[in-house]
Full PDB file with SEQRES, HELIX, SHEET, SSBOND, CRYST1, ORIGX, SCALE, CONECT and MASTER records, all heavy atoms in Angstrom:
SEQRES   1 A   34  GLY THR VAL SER PRO ARG THR GLY LEU MET LYS ASN ALA          
SEQRES   2 A   34  ASN SER VAL VAL LEU ASN ASP ARG PRO LEU LYS GLY ASP          
SEQRES   3 A   34  LEU GLU GLN ARG LEU GLY ARG ARG                              
HELIX    1 AA1 VAL A   16  LEU A   18  5                                   3    
HELIX    2 AA2 LEU A   23  LEU A   31  1                                   9    
CRYST1    1.000    1.000    1.000  90.00  90.00  90.00 P 1           1          
ORIGX1      1.000000  0.000000  0.000000        0.00000                         
ORIGX2      0.000000  1.000000  0.000000        0.00000                         
ORIGX3      0.000000  0.000000  1.000000        0.00000                         
SCALE1      1.000000  0.000000  0.000000        0.00000                         
SCALE2      0.000000  1.000000  0.000000        0.00000                         
SCALE3      0.000000  0.000000  1.000000        0.00000                         
ATOM      1  N   GLY A   1      41.756   7.756  18.559  1.00  0.00           N  
ATOM      2  CA  GLY A   1      42.991   6.995  18.482  1.00  0.00           C  
ATOM      3  C   GLY A   1      44.189   7.851  18.839  1.00  0.00           C  
ATOM      4  O   GLY A   1      44.064   8.932  19.431  1.00  0.00           O  
ATOM      5  N   THR A   2      45.375   7.384  18.472  1.00  0.00           N  
ATOM      6  CA  THR A   2      46.602   8.096  18.825  1.00  0.00           C  
ATOM      7  C   THR A   2      47.696   7.744  17.834  1.00  0.00           C  
ATOM      8  O   THR A   2      47.557   6.816  17.034  1.00  0.00           O  
ATOM      9  CB  THR A   2      47.035   7.734  20.256  1.00  0.00           C  
ATOM     10  OG1 THR A   2      48.065   8.611  20.695  1.00  0.00           O  
ATOM     11  CG2 THR A   2      47.517   6.287  20.342  1.00  0.00           C  
ATOM     12  N   VAL A   3      48.781   8.493  17.895  1.00  0.00           N  
ATOM     13  CA  VAL A   3      49.935   8.228  17.039  1.00  0.00           C  
ATOM     14  C   VAL A   3      50.852   7.226  17.741  1.00  0.00           C  
ATOM     15  O   VAL A   3      51.254   7.437  18.888  1.00  0.00           O  
ATOM     16  CB  VAL A   3      50.708   9.525  16.732  1.00  0.00           C  
ATOM     17  CG1 VAL A   3      51.943   9.220  15.891  1.00  0.00           C  
ATOM     18  CG2 VAL A   3      49.818  10.532  16.024  1.00  0.00           C  
ATOM     19  N   SER A   4      51.195   6.154  17.067  1.00  0.00           N  
ATOM     20  CA  SER A   4      52.095   5.158  17.636  1.00  0.00           C  
ATOM     21  C   SER A   4      53.502   5.736  17.781  1.00  0.00           C  
ATOM     22  O   SER A   4      54.071   6.231  16.808  1.00  0.00           O  
ATOM     23  CB  SER A   4      52.153   3.919  16.732  1.00  0.00           C  
ATOM     24  OG  SER A   4      53.231   3.080  17.100  1.00  0.00           O  
ATOM     25  N   PRO A   5      54.082   5.673  18.997  1.00  0.00           N  
ATOM     26  CA  PRO A   5      55.471   6.143  19.148  1.00  0.00           C  
ATOM     27  C   PRO A   5      56.460   5.309  18.347  1.00  0.00           C  
ATOM     28  O   PRO A   5      57.541   5.781  18.013  1.00  0.00           O  
ATOM     29  CB  PRO A   5      55.726   5.988  20.651  1.00  0.00           C  
ATOM     30  CG  PRO A   5      54.389   5.880  21.291  1.00  0.00           C  
ATOM     31  CD  PRO A   5      53.505   5.227  20.275  1.00  0.00           C  
ATOM     32  N   ARG A   6      56.091   4.078  18.030  1.00  0.00           N  
ATOM     33  CA  ARG A   6      57.002   3.181  17.321  1.00  0.00           C  
ATOM     34  C   ARG A   6      57.016   3.442  15.816  1.00  0.00           C  
ATOM     35  O   ARG A   6      58.068   3.484  15.190  1.00  0.00           O  
ATOM     36  CB  ARG A   6      56.618   1.729  17.602  1.00  0.00           C  
ATOM     37  CG  ARG A   6      57.565   0.705  16.962  1.00  0.00           C  
ATOM     38  CD  ARG A   6      57.186  -0.702  17.376  1.00  0.00           C  
ATOM     39  NE  ARG A   6      55.850  -1.069  16.911  1.00  0.00           N  
ATOM     40  CZ  ARG A   6      55.585  -1.565  15.710  1.00  0.00           C  
ATOM     41  NH1 ARG A   6      56.570  -1.725  14.826  1.00  0.00           N  
ATOM     42  NH2 ARG A   6      54.353  -1.887  15.370  1.00  0.00           N  
ATOM     43  N   THR A   7      55.831   3.621  15.224  1.00  0.00           N  
ATOM     44  CA  THR A   7      55.736   3.720  13.768  1.00  0.00           C  
ATOM     45  C   THR A   7      55.400   5.110  13.252  1.00  0.00           C  
ATOM     46  O   THR A   7      55.601   5.398  12.069  1.00  0.00           O  
ATOM     47  CB  THR A   7      54.661   2.755  13.242  1.00  0.00           C  
ATOM     48  OG1 THR A   7      53.371   3.204  13.702  1.00  0.00           O  
ATOM     49  CG2 THR A   7      54.904   1.337  13.723  1.00  0.00           C  
ATOM     50  N   GLY A   8      54.844   5.972  14.107  1.00  0.00           N  
ATOM     51  CA  GLY A   8      54.367   7.272  13.646  1.00  0.00           C  
ATOM     52  C   GLY A   8      53.035   7.211  12.941  1.00  0.00           C  
ATOM     53  O   GLY A   8      52.550   8.234  12.434  1.00  0.00           O  
ATOM     54  N   LEU A   9      52.423   6.027  12.913  1.00  0.00           N  
ATOM     55  CA  LEU A   9      51.129   5.850  12.260  1.00  0.00           C  
ATOM     56  C   LEU A   9      50.009   5.895  13.289  1.00  0.00           C  
ATOM     57  O   LEU A   9      50.217   5.632  14.477  1.00  0.00           O  
ATOM     58  CB  LEU A   9      51.085   4.513  11.510  1.00  0.00           C  
ATOM     59  CG  LEU A   9      52.197   4.269  10.484  1.00  0.00           C  
ATOM     60  CD1 LEU A   9      52.027   2.892   9.843  1.00  0.00           C  
ATOM     61  CD2 LEU A   9      52.223   5.360   9.419  1.00  0.00           C  
ATOM     62  N   MET A  10      48.806   6.203  12.830  1.00  0.00           N  
ATOM     63  CA  MET A  10      47.647   6.209  13.720  1.00  0.00           C  
ATOM     64  C   MET A  10      47.295   4.780  14.145  1.00  0.00           C  
ATOM     65  O   MET A  10      47.421   3.830  13.360  1.00  0.00           O  
ATOM     66  CB  MET A  10      46.445   6.845  13.020  1.00  0.00           C  
ATOM     67  CG  MET A  10      46.554   8.345  12.823  1.00  0.00           C  
ATOM     68  SD  MET A  10      46.539   9.264  14.385  1.00  0.00           S  
ATOM     69  CE  MET A  10      44.883   8.889  14.979  1.00  0.00           C  
ATOM     70  N   LYS A  11      46.839   4.644  15.379  1.00  0.00           N  
ATOM     71  CA  LYS A  11      46.356   3.363  15.886  1.00  0.00           C  
ATOM     72  C   LYS A  11      45.171   3.607  16.800  1.00  0.00           C  
ATOM     73  O   LYS A  11      44.949   4.709  17.305  1.00  0.00           O  
ATOM     74  CB  LYS A  11      47.456   2.622  16.647  1.00  0.00           C  
ATOM     75  CG  LYS A  11      47.929   3.312  17.935  1.00  0.00           C  
ATOM     76  CD  LYS A  11      48.966   2.476  18.660  1.00  0.00           C  
ATOM     77  CE  LYS A  11      49.396   3.159  19.966  1.00  0.00           C  
ATOM     78  NZ  LYS A  11      50.375   2.328  20.714  1.00  0.00           N  
ATOM     79  N   ASN A  12      44.363   2.566  16.972  1.00  0.00           N  
ATOM     80  CA  ASN A  12      43.286   2.539  17.973  1.00  0.00           C  
ATOM     81  C   ASN A  12      42.147   3.515  17.698  1.00  0.00           C  
ATOM     82  O   ASN A  12      41.377   3.828  18.605  1.00  0.00           O  
ATOM     83  CB  ASN A  12      43.823   2.799  19.390  1.00  0.00           C  
ATOM     84  CG  ASN A  12      44.853   1.774  19.827  1.00  0.00           C  
ATOM     85  OD1 ASN A  12      44.943   0.701  19.235  1.00  0.00           O  
ATOM     86  ND2 ASN A  12      45.621   2.092  20.842  1.00  0.00           N  
ATOM     87  N   ALA A  13      42.001   3.989  16.467  1.00  0.00           N  
ATOM     88  CA  ALA A  13      40.916   4.924  16.149  1.00  0.00           C  
ATOM     89  C   ALA A  13      39.655   4.147  15.776  1.00  0.00           C  
ATOM     90  O   ALA A  13      39.706   3.262  14.907  1.00  0.00           O  
ATOM     91  CB  ALA A  13      41.313   5.846  15.012  1.00  0.00           C  
ATOM     92  N   ASN A  14      38.533   4.492  16.407  1.00  0.00           N  
ATOM     93  CA  ASN A  14      37.278   3.855  15.989  1.00  0.00           C  
ATOM     94  C   ASN A  14      36.820   4.371  14.624  1.00  0.00           C  
ATOM     95  O   ASN A  14      36.004   3.739  13.968  1.00  0.00           O  
ATOM     96  CB  ASN A  14      36.189   4.024  17.057  1.00  0.00           C  
ATOM     97  CG  ASN A  14      35.801   5.463  17.295  1.00  0.00           C  
ATOM     98  OD1 ASN A  14      36.551   6.370  16.945  1.00  0.00           O  
ATOM     99  ND2 ASN A  14      34.659   5.683  17.895  1.00  0.00           N  
ATOM    100  N   SER A  15      37.348   5.504  14.183  1.00  0.00           N  
ATOM    101  CA  SER A  15      37.233   5.920  12.777  1.00  0.00           C  
ATOM    102  C   SER A  15      38.341   5.177  12.030  1.00  0.00           C  
ATOM    103  O   SER A  15      39.441   5.695  11.818  1.00  0.00           O  
ATOM    104  CB  SER A  15      37.396   7.430  12.641  1.00  0.00           C  
ATOM    105  OG  SER A  15      36.387   8.123  13.336  1.00  0.00           O  
ATOM    106  N   VAL A  16      38.053   3.931  11.663  1.00  0.00           N  
ATOM    107  CA  VAL A  16      39.112   2.992  11.275  1.00  0.00           C  
ATOM    108  C   VAL A  16      39.855   3.415  10.012  1.00  0.00           C  
ATOM    109  O   VAL A  16      40.955   2.917   9.751  1.00  0.00           O  
ATOM    110  CB  VAL A  16      38.538   1.561  11.115  1.00  0.00           C  
ATOM    111  CG1 VAL A  16      38.059   1.028  12.455  1.00  0.00           C  
ATOM    112  CG2 VAL A  16      37.403   1.524  10.094  1.00  0.00           C  
ATOM    113  N   VAL A  17      39.296   4.327   9.226  1.00  0.00           N  
ATOM    114  CA  VAL A  17      39.995   4.794   8.026  1.00  0.00           C  
ATOM    115  C   VAL A  17      41.301   5.502   8.383  1.00  0.00           C  
ATOM    116  O   VAL A  17      42.214   5.605   7.554  1.00  0.00           O  
ATOM    117  CB  VAL A  17      39.079   5.732   7.198  1.00  0.00           C  
ATOM    118  CG1 VAL A  17      38.876   7.063   7.903  1.00  0.00           C  
ATOM    119  CG2 VAL A  17      39.646   5.945   5.803  1.00  0.00           C  
ATOM    120  N   LEU A  18      41.428   5.957   9.631  1.00  0.00           N  
ATOM    121  CA  LEU A  18      42.645   6.648  10.064  1.00  0.00           C  
ATOM    122  C   LEU A  18      43.754   5.690  10.456  1.00  0.00           C  
ATOM    123  O   LEU A  18      44.941   6.061  10.433  1.00  0.00           O  
ATOM    124  CB  LEU A  18      42.341   7.566  11.257  1.00  0.00           C  
ATOM    125  CG  LEU A  18      41.276   8.648  11.051  1.00  0.00           C  
ATOM    126  CD1 LEU A  18      41.051   9.399  12.352  1.00  0.00           C  
ATOM    127  CD2 LEU A  18      41.675   9.607   9.938  1.00  0.00           C  
ATOM    128  N   ASN A  19      43.402   4.465  10.861  1.00  0.00           N  
ATOM    129  CA  ASN A  19      44.392   3.545  11.393  1.00  0.00           C  
ATOM    130  C   ASN A  19      45.434   3.167  10.342  1.00  0.00           C  
ATOM    131  O   ASN A  19      45.119   2.994   9.161  1.00  0.00           O  
ATOM    132  CB  ASN A  19      43.713   2.287  11.942  1.00  0.00           C  
ATOM    133  CG  ASN A  19      42.960   2.568  13.222  1.00  0.00           C  
ATOM    134  OD1 ASN A  19      43.338   3.434  14.003  1.00  0.00           O  
ATOM    135  ND2 ASN A  19      41.876   1.831  13.442  1.00  0.00           N  
ATOM    136  N   ASP A  20      46.680   3.056  10.820  1.00  0.00           N  
ATOM    137  CA  ASP A  20      47.831   2.697   9.977  1.00  0.00           C  
ATOM    138  C   ASP A  20      48.134   3.757   8.925  1.00  0.00           C  
ATOM    139  O   ASP A  20      48.772   3.467   7.907  1.00  0.00           O  
ATOM    140  CB  ASP A  20      47.612   1.326   9.310  1.00  0.00           C  
ATOM    141  CG  ASP A  20      47.444   0.210  10.323  1.00  0.00           C  
ATOM    142  OD1 ASP A  20      48.201   0.198  11.311  1.00  0.00           O  
ATOM    143  OD2 ASP A  20      46.548  -0.633  10.149  1.00  0.00           O  
ATOM    144  N   ARG A  21      47.703   4.974   9.173  1.00  0.00           N  
ATOM    145  CA  ARG A  21      47.979   6.087   8.262  1.00  0.00           C  
ATOM    146  C   ARG A  21      48.869   7.112   8.970  1.00  0.00           C  
ATOM    147  O   ARG A  21      48.730   7.352  10.175  1.00  0.00           O  
ATOM    148  CB  ARG A  21      46.686   6.783   7.854  1.00  0.00           C  
ATOM    149  CG  ARG A  21      45.689   5.884   7.161  1.00  0.00           C  
ATOM    150  CD  ARG A  21      45.984   5.737   5.681  1.00  0.00           C  
ATOM    151  NE  ARG A  21      44.838   5.186   4.970  1.00  0.00           N  
ATOM    152  CZ  ARG A  21      44.578   5.409   3.698  1.00  0.00           C  
ATOM    153  NH1 ARG A  21      45.361   6.190   2.993  1.00  0.00           N  
ATOM    154  NH2 ARG A  21      43.523   4.855   3.116  1.00  0.00           N  
ATOM    155  N   PRO A  22      49.762   7.774   8.241  1.00  0.00           N  
ATOM    156  CA  PRO A  22      50.633   8.799   8.836  1.00  0.00           C  
ATOM    157  C   PRO A  22      49.923  10.149   8.911  1.00  0.00           C  
ATOM    158  O   PRO A  22      50.341  11.138   8.280  1.00  0.00           O  
ATOM    159  CB  PRO A  22      51.823   8.829   7.876  1.00  0.00           C  
ATOM    160  CG  PRO A  22      51.223   8.497   6.551  1.00  0.00           C  
ATOM    161  CD  PRO A  22      50.109   7.502   6.839  1.00  0.00           C  
ATOM    162  N   LEU A  23      48.854  10.211   9.675  1.00  0.00           N  
ATOM    163  CA  LEU A  23      48.002  11.401   9.689  1.00  0.00           C  
ATOM    164  C   LEU A  23      48.782  12.654  10.082  1.00  0.00           C  
ATOM    165  O   LEU A  23      48.659  13.697   9.437  1.00  0.00           O  
ATOM    166  CB  LEU A  23      46.826  11.184  10.645  1.00  0.00           C  
ATOM    167  CG  LEU A  23      45.852  12.356  10.786  1.00  0.00           C  
ATOM    168  CD1 LEU A  23      45.150  12.633   9.464  1.00  0.00           C  
ATOM    169  CD2 LEU A  23      44.820  12.076  11.883  1.00  0.00           C  
ATOM    170  N   LYS A  24      49.571  12.565  11.138  1.00  0.00           N  
ATOM    171  CA  LYS A  24      50.326  13.740  11.585  1.00  0.00           C  
ATOM    172  C   LYS A  24      51.287  14.203  10.489  1.00  0.00           C  
ATOM    173  O   LYS A  24      51.340  15.393  10.156  1.00  0.00           O  
ATOM    174  CB  LYS A  24      51.087  13.413  12.866  1.00  0.00           C  
ATOM    175  CG  LYS A  24      51.812  14.605  13.493  1.00  0.00           C  
ATOM    176  CD  LYS A  24      52.390  14.205  14.850  1.00  0.00           C  
ATOM    177  CE  LYS A  24      52.971  15.412  15.577  1.00  0.00           C  
ATOM    178  NZ  LYS A  24      54.188  15.933  14.945  1.00  0.00           N  
ATOM    179  N   GLY A  25      52.050  13.274   9.922  1.00  0.00           N  
ATOM    180  CA  GLY A  25      53.001  13.641   8.875  1.00  0.00           C  
ATOM    181  C   GLY A  25      52.323  14.175   7.633  1.00  0.00           C  
ATOM    182  O   GLY A  25      52.791  15.151   7.017  1.00  0.00           O  
ATOM    183  N   ASP A  26      51.202  13.554   7.249  1.00  0.00           N  
ATOM    184  CA  ASP A  26      50.504  14.013   6.050  1.00  0.00           C  
ATOM    185  C   ASP A  26      49.938  15.413   6.243  1.00  0.00           C  
ATOM    186  O   ASP A  26      49.979  16.245   5.312  1.00  0.00           O  
ATOM    187  CB  ASP A  26      49.372  13.039   5.695  1.00  0.00           C  
ATOM    188  CG  ASP A  26      49.881  11.752   5.076  1.00  0.00           C  
ATOM    189  OD1 ASP A  26      51.054  11.709   4.660  1.00  0.00           O  
ATOM    190  OD2 ASP A  26      49.103  10.776   5.010  1.00  0.00           O  
ATOM    191  N   LEU A  27      49.405  15.682   7.436  1.00  0.00           N  
ATOM    192  CA  LEU A  27      48.846  17.006   7.682  1.00  0.00           C  
ATOM    193  C   LEU A  27      49.963  18.052   7.762  1.00  0.00           C  
ATOM    194  O   LEU A  27      49.807  19.175   7.251  1.00  0.00           O  
ATOM    195  CB  LEU A  27      48.012  16.999   8.962  1.00  0.00           C  
ATOM    196  CG  LEU A  27      47.156  18.237   9.213  1.00  0.00           C  
ATOM    197  CD1 LEU A  27      46.188  18.486   8.059  1.00  0.00           C  
ATOM    198  CD2 LEU A  27      46.390  18.106  10.527  1.00  0.00           C  
ATOM    199  N   GLU A  28      51.075  17.693   8.390  1.00  0.00           N  
ATOM    200  CA  GLU A  28      52.202  18.634   8.448  1.00  0.00           C  
ATOM    201  C   GLU A  28      52.727  18.954   7.054  1.00  0.00           C  
ATOM    202  O   GLU A  28      53.058  20.109   6.756  1.00  0.00           O  
ATOM    203  CB  GLU A  28      53.313  18.039   9.318  1.00  0.00           C  
ATOM    204  CG  GLU A  28      52.974  18.046  10.799  1.00  0.00           C  
ATOM    205  CD  GLU A  28      54.036  17.404  11.665  1.00  0.00           C  
ATOM    206  OE1 GLU A  28      54.816  16.578  11.135  1.00  0.00           O  
ATOM    207  OE2 GLU A  28      54.083  17.726  12.872  1.00  0.00           O  
ATOM    208  N   GLN A  29      52.784  17.944   6.183  1.00  0.00           N  
ATOM    209  CA  GLN A  29      53.223  18.191   4.809  1.00  0.00           C  
ATOM    210  C   GLN A  29      52.241  19.105   4.086  1.00  0.00           C  
ATOM    211  O   GLN A  29      52.641  20.015   3.344  1.00  0.00           O  
ATOM    212  CB  GLN A  29      53.368  16.865   4.068  1.00  0.00           C  
ATOM    213  CG  GLN A  29      53.900  17.008   2.651  1.00  0.00           C  
ATOM    214  CD  GLN A  29      54.126  15.672   1.981  1.00  0.00           C  
ATOM    215  OE1 GLN A  29      53.556  14.661   2.369  1.00  0.00           O  
ATOM    216  NE2 GLN A  29      54.967  15.659   0.957  1.00  0.00           N  
ATOM    217  N   ARG A  30      50.961  18.884   4.319  1.00  0.00           N  
ATOM    218  CA  ARG A  30      49.931  19.703   3.667  1.00  0.00           C  
ATOM    219  C   ARG A  30      50.005  21.156   4.141  1.00  0.00           C  
ATOM    220  O   ARG A  30      49.872  22.095   3.336  1.00  0.00           O  
ATOM    221  CB  ARG A  30      48.559  19.104   3.975  1.00  0.00           C  
ATOM    222  CG  ARG A  30      47.376  19.887   3.420  1.00  0.00           C  
ATOM    223  CD  ARG A  30      47.306  19.823   1.888  1.00  0.00           C  
ATOM    224  NE  ARG A  30      46.110  20.472   1.402  1.00  0.00           N  
ATOM    225  CZ  ARG A  30      44.946  19.844   1.197  1.00  0.00           C  
ATOM    226  NH1 ARG A  30      44.848  18.529   1.416  1.00  0.00           N  
ATOM    227  NH2 ARG A  30      43.904  20.493   0.753  1.00  0.00           N  
ATOM    228  N   LEU A  31      50.242  21.354   5.435  1.00  0.00           N  
ATOM    229  CA  LEU A  31      50.231  22.707   6.002  1.00  0.00           C  
ATOM    230  C   LEU A  31      51.592  23.398   5.913  1.00  0.00           C  
ATOM    231  O   LEU A  31      51.671  24.625   6.050  1.00  0.00           O  
ATOM    232  CB  LEU A  31      49.791  22.649   7.471  1.00  0.00           C  
ATOM    233  CG  LEU A  31      48.384  22.122   7.747  1.00  0.00           C  
ATOM    234  CD1 LEU A  31      48.142  22.044   9.250  1.00  0.00           C  
ATOM    235  CD2 LEU A  31      47.318  22.983   7.079  1.00  0.00           C  
ATOM    236  N   GLY A  32      52.658  22.609   5.730  1.00  0.00           N  
ATOM    237  CA  GLY A  32      53.984  23.189   5.674  1.00  0.00           C  
ATOM    238  C   GLY A  32      54.515  23.631   7.016  1.00  0.00           C  
ATOM    239  O   GLY A  32      55.357  24.542   7.101  1.00  0.00           O  
ATOM    240  N   ARG A  33      54.064  22.997   8.084  1.00  0.00           N  
ATOM    241  CA  ARG A  33      54.556  23.311   9.429  1.00  0.00           C  
ATOM    242  C   ARG A  33      54.214  22.160  10.366  1.00  0.00           C  
ATOM    243  O   ARG A  33      53.405  21.310  10.043  1.00  0.00           O  
ATOM    244  CB  ARG A  33      53.963  24.616   9.947  1.00  0.00           C  
ATOM    245  CG  ARG A  33      52.499  24.541  10.344  1.00  0.00           C  
ATOM    246  CD  ARG A  33      51.823  25.877  10.278  1.00  0.00           C  
ATOM    247  NE  ARG A  33      51.256  26.087   8.949  1.00  0.00           N  
ATOM    248  CZ  ARG A  33      50.273  26.949   8.703  1.00  0.00           C  
ATOM    249  NH1 ARG A  33      49.804  27.706   9.673  1.00  0.00           N  
ATOM    250  NH2 ARG A  33      49.782  27.075   7.489  1.00  0.00           N  
ATOM    251  N   ARG A  34      54.813  22.181  11.555  1.00  0.00           N  
ATOM    252  CA  ARG A  34      54.582  21.120  12.530  1.00  0.00           C  
ATOM    253  C   ARG A  34      53.261  21.347  13.265  1.00  0.00           C  
ATOM    254  O   ARG A  34      52.814  22.495  13.438  1.00  0.00           O  
ATOM    255  CB  ARG A  34      55.722  21.052  13.545  1.00  0.00           C  
ATOM    256  CG  ARG A  34      57.054  20.633  12.914  1.00  0.00           C  
ATOM    257  CD  ARG A  34      58.148  20.519  13.969  1.00  0.00           C  
ATOM    258  NE  ARG A  34      57.839  19.479  14.951  1.00  0.00           N  
ATOM    259  CZ  ARG A  34      58.041  18.182  14.751  1.00  0.00           C  
ATOM    260  NH1 ARG A  34      58.542  17.756  13.598  1.00  0.00           N  
ATOM    261  NH2 ARG A  34      57.766  17.308  15.687  1.00  0.00           N  
TER     262      ARG A  34                                                      
MASTER        0    0    0    2    0    0    0    6  261    1    0    3          
END                                                                             
C-alpha cells in the first residue's frame, strides 16, 4: 500500500490491518525521528 497524500493514512495495502492507520506518523513517534 501507500500513504495517502490527503489524509496521511495508509491505503491500498493487502495487509488490510495497515489501512486507515497513521503508520508513518506512529513509527516516527516511536523512533523519535523522521
